[in-house]
Amino acid sequence: MQRASAVAYLMDRRRRWLQKIETTPGGDVEFERQEVELLAQLILDVRAARVNTFQFTRPQAVEIYVSDN
Protein backbone atom coordinates (compact mmCIF):
# COMPACT_ATOMS: atom_id res chain seq x y z
CA MET A 1 0.00 0.00 0.00
CA GLN A 2 1.31 3.45 -0.77
CA ARG A 3 2.26 5.59 2.22
CA ALA A 4 -0.52 8.13 1.65
CA SER A 5 -3.09 5.34 1.42
CA ALA A 6 -1.76 3.72 4.59
CA VAL A 7 -2.05 7.03 6.46
CA ALA A 8 -5.61 7.47 5.16
CA TYR A 9 -6.45 3.90 6.23
CA LEU A 10 -5.12 4.57 9.74
CA MET A 11 -6.92 7.90 10.02
CA ASP A 12 -10.19 6.22 9.06
CA ARG A 13 -9.59 3.48 11.59
CA ARG A 14 -8.89 6.12 14.28
CA ARG A 15 -12.07 8.00 13.34
CA ARG A 16 -14.10 4.79 13.71
CA TRP A 17 -12.59 4.14 17.17
CA LEU A 18 -13.52 7.68 18.25
CA GLN A 19 -17.07 7.15 17.01
CA LYS A 20 -17.25 3.88 18.92
CA ILE A 21 -16.21 5.65 22.12
CA GLU A 22 -18.89 8.31 21.62
CA THR A 23 -21.70 5.88 20.80
CA THR A 24 -20.95 3.10 23.29
CA PRO A 25 -21.73 4.30 26.79
CA GLY A 26 -20.42 2.08 29.55
CA GLY A 27 -17.80 0.42 27.36
CA ASP A 28 -14.16 0.06 28.29
CA VAL A 29 -13.38 3.71 27.62
CA GLU A 30 -9.81 3.51 28.92
CA PHE A 31 -8.99 0.66 26.54
CA GLU A 32 -10.63 2.51 23.66
CA ARG A 33 -8.65 5.69 24.40
CA GLN A 34 -5.40 3.71 24.51
CA GLU A 35 -6.22 2.27 21.09
CA VAL A 36 -6.84 5.77 19.73
CA GLU A 37 -3.52 6.99 21.18
CA LEU A 38 -1.67 4.04 19.64
CA LEU A 39 -3.28 4.74 16.28
CA ALA A 40 -2.34 8.43 16.51
CA GLN A 41 1.30 7.50 17.11
CA LEU A 42 1.24 4.93 14.32
CA ILE A 43 -0.13 7.55 11.93
CA LEU A 44 2.80 9.82 12.77
CA ASP A 45 5.30 6.98 12.41
CA VAL A 46 3.95 5.84 9.05
CA ARG A 47 3.79 9.42 7.77
CA ALA A 48 7.42 10.03 8.83
CA ALA A 49 8.54 6.73 7.22
CA ARG A 50 9.67 5.27 10.55
CA VAL A 51 7.30 2.32 10.04
CA ASN A 52 6.99 0.33 6.82
CA THR A 53 4.76 -2.49 8.03
CA PHE A 54 2.05 -2.85 10.65
CA GLN A 55 -0.69 -5.28 11.54
CA PHE A 56 -3.95 -5.51 13.43
CA THR A 57 -5.56 -8.62 14.87
CA ARG A 58 -9.01 -7.22 15.50
CA PRO A 59 -11.68 -6.85 14.42
CA GLN A 60 -10.09 -8.94 11.69
CA ALA A 61 -6.46 -9.75 11.03
CA VAL A 62 -4.73 -7.51 8.50
CA GLU A 63 -1.08 -6.83 7.73
CA ILE A 64 -0.10 -3.74 5.75
CA TYR A 65 3.18 -3.22 3.91
CA VAL A 66 3.90 0.43 3.15
CA SER A 67 5.74 1.59 0.04
CA ASP A 68 6.86 5.02 -1.08
CA ASN A 69 5.87 4.45 -4.70
PDB file of N, CA and C in Angstrom:
ATOM      1  N   MET A   1       0.852  -1.164   0.000  1.00  0.00           N
ATOM      2  CA  MET A   1       0.000   0.000   0.000  1.00  0.00           C
ATOM      3  C   MET A   1       0.903   1.233   0.000  1.00  0.00           C
ATOM      4  N   GLN A   2       0.533   2.217  -0.760  1.00  0.00           N
ATOM      5  CA  GLN A   2       1.312   3.449  -0.768  1.00  0.00           C
ATOM      6  C   GLN A   2       1.184   4.168   0.574  1.00  0.00           C
ATOM      7  N   ARG A   3       2.212   4.924   0.921  1.00  0.00           N
ATOM      8  CA  ARG A   3       2.265   5.585   2.225  1.00  0.00           C
ATOM      9  C   ARG A   3       1.033   6.463   2.469  1.00  0.00           C
ATOM     10  N   ALA A   4       0.649   7.258   1.482  1.00  0.00           N
ATOM     11  CA  ALA A   4      -0.516   8.133   1.652  1.00  0.00           C
ATOM     12  C   ALA A   4      -1.787   7.316   1.899  1.00  0.00           C
ATOM     13  N   SER A   5      -1.926   6.203   1.218  1.00  0.00           N
ATOM     14  CA  SER A   5      -3.094   5.339   1.418  1.00  0.00           C
ATOM     15  C   SER A   5      -3.067   4.695   2.797  1.00  0.00           C
ATOM     16  N   ALA A   6      -1.888   4.319   3.256  1.00  0.00           N
ATOM     17  CA  ALA A   6      -1.762   3.725   4.589  1.00  0.00           C
ATOM     18  C   ALA A   6      -2.138   4.739   5.662  1.00  0.00           C
ATOM     19  N   VAL A   7      -1.695   5.974   5.500  1.00  0.00           N
ATOM     20  CA  VAL A   7      -2.052   7.028   6.457  1.00  0.00           C
ATOM     21  C   VAL A   7      -3.562   7.249   6.443  1.00  0.00           C
ATOM     22  N   ALA A   8      -4.160   7.297   5.262  1.00  0.00           N
ATOM     23  CA  ALA A   8      -5.612   7.472   5.155  1.00  0.00           C
ATOM     24  C   ALA A   8      -6.348   6.307   5.814  1.00  0.00           C
ATOM     25  N   TYR A   9      -5.862   5.087   5.609  1.00  0.00           N
ATOM     26  CA  TYR A   9      -6.454   3.899   6.233  1.00  0.00           C
ATOM     27  C   TYR A   9      -6.420   4.030   7.754  1.00  0.00           C
ATOM     28  N   LEU A  10      -5.270   4.432   8.291  1.00  0.00           N
ATOM     29  CA  LEU A  10      -5.122   4.571   9.739  1.00  0.00           C
ATOM     30  C   LEU A  10      -5.992   5.697  10.287  1.00  0.00           C
ATOM     31  N   MET A  11      -6.081   6.789   9.568  1.00  0.00           N
ATOM     32  CA  MET A  11      -6.920   7.901  10.021  1.00  0.00           C
ATOM     33  C   MET A  11      -8.390   7.495  10.055  1.00  0.00           C
ATOM     34  N   ASP A  12      -8.812   6.708   9.070  1.00  0.00           N
ATOM     35  CA  ASP A  12     -10.188   6.222   9.060  1.00  0.00           C
ATOM     36  C   ASP A  12     -10.431   5.273  10.230  1.00  0.00           C
ATOM     37  N   ARG A  13      -9.473   4.414  10.467  1.00  0.00           N
ATOM     38  CA  ARG A  13      -9.594   3.480  11.592  1.00  0.00           C
ATOM     39  C   ARG A  13      -9.673   4.245  12.913  1.00  0.00           C
ATOM     40  N   ARG A  14      -8.861   5.280  13.070  1.00  0.00           N
ATOM     41  CA  ARG A  14      -8.886   6.117  14.279  1.00  0.00           C
ATOM     42  C   ARG A  14     -10.243   6.809  14.418  1.00  0.00           C
ATOM     43  N   ARG A  15     -10.764   7.335  13.319  1.00  0.00           N
ATOM     44  CA  ARG A  15     -12.067   7.997  13.341  1.00  0.00           C
ATOM     45  C   ARG A  15     -13.160   7.034  13.803  1.00  0.00           C
ATOM     46  N   ARG A  16     -13.103   5.790  13.308  1.00  0.00           N
ATOM     47  CA  ARG A  16     -14.104   4.793  13.712  1.00  0.00           C
ATOM     48  C   ARG A  16     -13.994   4.452  15.194  1.00  0.00           C
ATOM     49  N   TRP A  17     -12.761   4.387  15.738  1.00  0.00           N
ATOM     50  CA  TRP A  17     -12.590   4.136  17.172  1.00  0.00           C
ATOM     51  C   TRP A  17     -13.199   5.279  17.979  1.00  0.00           C
ATOM     52  N   LEU A  18     -12.959   6.527  17.546  1.00  0.00           N
ATOM     53  CA  LEU A  18     -13.519   7.679  18.252  1.00  0.00           C
ATOM     54  C   LEU A  18     -15.041   7.643  18.231  1.00  0.00           C
ATOM     55  N   GLN A  19     -15.619   7.272  17.095  1.00  0.00           N
ATOM     56  CA  GLN A  19     -17.071   7.149  17.011  1.00  0.00           C
ATOM     57  C   GLN A  19     -17.582   6.066  17.949  1.00  0.00           C
ATOM     58  N   LYS A  20     -16.854   4.973  18.033  1.00  0.00           N
ATOM     59  CA  LYS A  20     -17.250   3.875  18.917  1.00  0.00           C
ATOM     60  C   LYS A  20     -17.261   4.343  20.367  1.00  0.00           C
ATOM     61  N   ILE A  21     -16.265   5.126  20.753  1.00  0.00           N
ATOM     62  CA  ILE A  21     -16.206   5.649  22.121  1.00  0.00           C
ATOM     63  C   ILE A  21     -17.424   6.526  22.398  1.00  0.00           C
ATOM     64  N   GLU A  22     -17.771   7.383  21.438  1.00  0.00           N
ATOM     65  CA  GLU A  22     -18.888   8.309  21.619  1.00  0.00           C
ATOM     66  C   GLU A  22     -20.235   7.601  21.671  1.00  0.00           C
ATOM     67  N   THR A  23     -20.391   6.525  20.918  1.00  0.00           N
ATOM     68  CA  THR A  23     -21.696   5.878  20.797  1.00  0.00           C
ATOM     69  C   THR A  23     -21.882   4.672  21.706  1.00  0.00           C
ATOM     70  N   THR A  24     -20.848   4.274  22.432  1.00  0.00           N
ATOM     71  CA  THR A  24     -20.950   3.096  23.289  1.00  0.00           C
ATOM     72  C   THR A  24     -20.772   3.503  24.747  1.00  0.00           C
ATOM     73  N   PRO A  25     -21.857   3.939  25.376  1.00  0.00           N
ATOM     74  CA  PRO A  25     -21.734   4.296  26.789  1.00  0.00           C
ATOM     75  C   PRO A  25     -21.491   3.048  27.640  1.00  0.00           C
ATOM     76  N   GLY A  26     -20.674   3.192  28.639  1.00  0.00           N
ATOM     77  CA  GLY A  26     -20.417   2.082  29.546  1.00  0.00           C
ATOM     78  C   GLY A  26     -19.410   1.082  29.038  1.00  0.00           C
ATOM     79  N   GLY A  27     -18.825   1.322  27.876  1.00  0.00           N
ATOM     80  CA  GLY A  27     -17.797   0.420  27.359  1.00  0.00           C
ATOM     81  C   GLY A  27     -16.494   0.624  28.106  1.00  0.00           C
ATOM     82  N   ASP A  28     -15.484  -0.066  27.678  1.00  0.00           N
ATOM     83  CA  ASP A  28     -14.161   0.060  28.288  1.00  0.00           C
ATOM     84  C   ASP A  28     -13.476   1.286  27.682  1.00  0.00           C
ATOM     85  N   VAL A  29     -13.833   2.451  28.188  1.00  0.00           N
ATOM     86  CA  VAL A  29     -13.378   3.714  27.623  1.00  0.00           C
ATOM     87  C   VAL A  29     -11.865   3.839  27.704  1.00  0.00           C
ATOM     88  N   GLU A  30     -11.268   3.407  28.784  1.00  0.00           N
ATOM     89  CA  GLU A  30      -9.809   3.510  28.923  1.00  0.00           C
ATOM     90  C   GLU A  30      -9.100   2.694  27.843  1.00  0.00           C
ATOM     91  N   PHE A  31      -9.562   1.486  27.603  1.00  0.00           N
ATOM     92  CA  PHE A  31      -8.985   0.658  26.539  1.00  0.00           C
ATOM     93  C   PHE A  31      -9.153   1.335  25.183  1.00  0.00           C
ATOM     94  N   GLU A  32     -10.350   1.857  24.936  1.00  0.00           N
ATOM     95  CA  GLU A  32     -10.627   2.514  23.660  1.00  0.00           C
ATOM     96  C   GLU A  32      -9.715   3.724  23.467  1.00  0.00           C
ATOM     97  N   ARG A  33      -9.519   4.503  24.504  1.00  0.00           N
ATOM     98  CA  ARG A  33      -8.651   5.685  24.404  1.00  0.00           C
ATOM     99  C   ARG A  33      -7.197   5.278  24.154  1.00  0.00           C
ATOM    100  N   GLN A  34      -6.760   4.198  24.759  1.00  0.00           N
ATOM    101  CA  GLN A  34      -5.403   3.708  24.509  1.00  0.00           C
ATOM    102  C   GLN A  34      -5.243   3.296  23.048  1.00  0.00           C
ATOM    103  N   GLU A  35      -6.259   2.659  22.498  1.00  0.00           N
ATOM    104  CA  GLU A  35      -6.223   2.270  21.087  1.00  0.00           C
ATOM    105  C   GLU A  35      -6.116   3.503  20.191  1.00  0.00           C
ATOM    106  N   VAL A  36      -6.879   4.538  20.516  1.00  0.00           N
ATOM    107  CA  VAL A  36      -6.839   5.774  19.732  1.00  0.00           C
ATOM    108  C   VAL A  36      -5.457   6.410  19.819  1.00  0.00           C
ATOM    109  N   GLU A  37      -4.864   6.420  21.010  1.00  0.00           N
ATOM    110  CA  GLU A  37      -3.522   6.986  21.179  1.00  0.00           C
ATOM    111  C   GLU A  37      -2.483   6.193  20.390  1.00  0.00           C
ATOM    112  N   LEU A  38      -2.589   4.871  20.415  1.00  0.00           N
ATOM    113  CA  LEU A  38      -1.666   4.040  19.636  1.00  0.00           C
ATOM    114  C   LEU A  38      -1.817   4.306  18.138  1.00  0.00           C
ATOM    115  N   LEU A  39      -3.047   4.442  17.690  1.00  0.00           N
ATOM    116  CA  LEU A  39      -3.276   4.743  16.276  1.00  0.00           C
ATOM    117  C   LEU A  39      -2.710   6.111  15.907  1.00  0.00           C
ATOM    118  N   ALA A  40      -2.880   7.089  16.781  1.00  0.00           N
ATOM    119  CA  ALA A  40      -2.342   8.426  16.506  1.00  0.00           C
ATOM    120  C   ALA A  40      -0.827   8.368  16.348  1.00  0.00           C
ATOM    121  N   GLN A  41      -0.157   7.627  17.219  1.00  0.00           N
ATOM    122  CA  GLN A  41       1.300   7.500  17.114  1.00  0.00           C
ATOM    123  C   GLN A  41       1.692   6.737  15.858  1.00  0.00           C
ATOM    124  N   LEU A  42       0.944   5.702  15.527  1.00  0.00           N
ATOM    125  CA  LEU A  42       1.238   4.930  14.321  1.00  0.00           C
ATOM    126  C   LEU A  42       1.067   5.792  13.067  1.00  0.00           C
ATOM    127  N   ILE A  43       0.060   6.637  13.053  1.00  0.00           N
ATOM    128  CA  ILE A  43      -0.134   7.553  11.925  1.00  0.00           C
ATOM    129  C   ILE A  43       1.101   8.426  11.745  1.00  0.00           C
ATOM    130  N   LEU A  44       1.597   8.986  12.845  1.00  0.00           N
ATOM    131  CA  LEU A  44       2.799   9.825  12.772  1.00  0.00           C
ATOM    132  C   LEU A  44       4.002   9.029  12.289  1.00  0.00           C
ATOM    133  N   ASP A  45       4.153   7.812  12.790  1.00  0.00           N
ATOM    134  CA  ASP A  45       5.300   6.983  12.412  1.00  0.00           C
ATOM    135  C   ASP A  45       5.251   6.570  10.943  1.00  0.00           C
ATOM    136  N   VAL A  46       4.079   6.218  10.457  1.00  0.00           N
ATOM    137  CA  VAL A  46       3.949   5.841   9.046  1.00  0.00           C
ATOM    138  C   VAL A  46       4.197   7.065   8.170  1.00  0.00           C
ATOM    139  N   ARG A  47       3.612   8.185   8.546  1.00  0.00           N
ATOM    140  CA  ARG A  47       3.786   9.415   7.766  1.00  0.00           C
ATOM    141  C   ARG A  47       5.254   9.818   7.679  1.00  0.00           C
ATOM    142  N   ALA A  48       6.004   9.641   8.781  1.00  0.00           N
ATOM    143  CA  ALA A  48       7.418  10.026   8.829  1.00  0.00           C
ATOM    144  C   ALA A  48       8.341   8.934   8.290  1.00  0.00           C
ATOM    145  N   ALA A  49       7.781   7.854   7.790  1.00  0.00           N
ATOM    146  CA  ALA A  49       8.539   6.730   7.217  1.00  0.00           C
ATOM    147  C   ALA A  49       9.396   6.010   8.252  1.00  0.00           C
ATOM    148  N   ARG A  50       8.979   6.042   9.505  1.00  0.00           N
ATOM    149  CA  ARG A  50       9.665   5.270  10.549  1.00  0.00           C
ATOM    150  C   ARG A  50       9.129   3.845  10.622  1.00  0.00           C
ATOM    151  N   VAL A  51       7.949   3.632  10.037  1.00  0.00           N
ATOM    152  CA  VAL A  51       7.304   2.319  10.035  1.00  0.00           C
ATOM    153  C   VAL A  51       6.935   1.976   8.598  1.00  0.00           C
ATOM    154  N   ASN A  52       7.303   0.774   8.173  1.00  0.00           N
ATOM    155  CA  ASN A  52       6.985   0.330   6.815  1.00  0.00           C
ATOM    156  C   ASN A  52       6.048  -0.864   6.781  1.00  0.00           C
ATOM    157  N   THR A  53       5.717  -1.395   7.945  1.00  0.00           N
ATOM    158  CA  THR A  53       4.762  -2.494   8.025  1.00  0.00           C
ATOM    159  C   THR A  53       4.074  -2.436   9.381  1.00  0.00           C
ATOM    160  N   PHE A  54       2.797  -2.780   9.398  1.00  0.00           N
ATOM    161  CA  PHE A  54       2.053  -2.850  10.651  1.00  0.00           C
ATOM    162  C   PHE A  54       0.921  -3.844  10.471  1.00  0.00           C
ATOM    163  N   GLN A  55       0.397  -4.303  11.603  1.00  0.00           N
ATOM    164  CA  GLN A  55      -0.693  -5.281  11.540  1.00  0.00           C
ATOM    165  C   GLN A  55      -1.679  -5.052  12.670  1.00  0.00           C
ATOM    166  N   PHE A  56      -2.889  -5.522  12.436  1.00  0.00           N
ATOM    167  CA  PHE A  56      -3.949  -5.508  13.434  1.00  0.00           C
ATOM    168  C   PHE A  56      -4.508  -6.921  13.523  1.00  0.00           C
ATOM    169  N   THR A  57      -4.959  -7.296  14.695  1.00  0.00           N
ATOM    170  CA  THR A  57      -5.556  -8.617  14.873  1.00  0.00           C
ATOM    171  C   THR A  57      -7.060  -8.544  15.092  1.00  0.00           C
ATOM    172  N   ARG A  58      -7.580  -7.364  15.329  1.00  0.00           N
ATOM    173  CA  ARG A  58      -9.012  -7.221  15.498  1.00  0.00           C
ATOM    174  C   ARG A  58      -9.482  -5.942  14.856  1.00  0.00           C
ATOM    175  N   PRO A  59     -10.654  -5.830  14.364  1.00  0.00           N
ATOM    176  CA  PRO A  59     -11.685  -6.852  14.420  1.00  0.00           C
ATOM    177  C   PRO A  59     -11.410  -8.026  13.487  1.00  0.00           C
ATOM    178  N   GLN A  60     -10.555  -7.816  12.506  1.00  0.00           N
ATOM    179  CA  GLN A  60     -10.093  -8.944  11.691  1.00  0.00           C
ATOM    180  C   GLN A  60      -8.610  -8.735  11.425  1.00  0.00           C
ATOM    181  N   ALA A  61      -7.909  -9.827  11.226  1.00  0.00           N
ATOM    182  CA  ALA A  61      -6.458  -9.749  11.029  1.00  0.00           C
ATOM    183  C   ALA A  61      -6.134  -9.115   9.681  1.00  0.00           C
ATOM    184  N   VAL A  62      -5.199  -8.163   9.721  1.00  0.00           N
ATOM    185  CA  VAL A  62      -4.729  -7.508   8.503  1.00  0.00           C
ATOM    186  C   VAL A  62      -3.281  -7.091   8.720  1.00  0.00           C
ATOM    187  N   GLU A  63      -2.472  -7.266   7.687  1.00  0.00           N
ATOM    188  CA  GLU A  63      -1.077  -6.832   7.731  1.00  0.00           C
ATOM    189  C   GLU A  63      -0.850  -5.921   6.533  1.00  0.00           C
ATOM    190  N   ILE A  64      -0.298  -4.757   6.785  1.00  0.00           N
ATOM    191  CA  ILE A  64      -0.096  -3.742   5.754  1.00  0.00           C
ATOM    192  C   ILE A  64       1.396  -3.513   5.550  1.00  0.00           C
ATOM    193  N   TYR A  65       1.812  -3.564   4.295  1.00  0.00           N
ATOM    194  CA  TYR A  65       3.180  -3.220   3.910  1.00  0.00           C
ATOM    195  C   TYR A  65       3.120  -1.866   3.207  1.00  0.00           C
ATOM    196  N   VAL A  66       3.938  -0.935   3.655  1.00  0.00           N
ATOM    197  CA  VAL A  66       3.899   0.432   3.151  1.00  0.00           C
ATOM    198  C   VAL A  66       5.047   0.653   2.173  1.00  0.00           C
ATOM    199  N   SER A  67       4.708   1.258   1.028  1.00  0.00           N
ATOM    200  CA  SER A  67       5.742   1.588   0.041  1.00  0.00           C
ATOM    201  C   SER A  67       5.697   3.086  -0.245  1.00  0.00           C
ATOM    202  N   ASP A  68       6.793   3.605  -0.743  1.00  0.00           N
ATOM    203  CA  ASP A  68       6.864   5.025  -1.079  1.00  0.00           C
ATOM    204  C   ASP A  68       6.508   5.297  -2.530  1.00  0.00           C
ATOM    205  N   ASN A  69       6.196   4.284  -3.276  1.00  0.00           N
ATOM    206  CA  ASN A  69       5.865   4.452  -4.702  1.00  0.00           C
ATOM    207  C   ASN A  69       4.456   4.942  -4.877  1.00  0.00           C
TER     208      ASN A  69
END
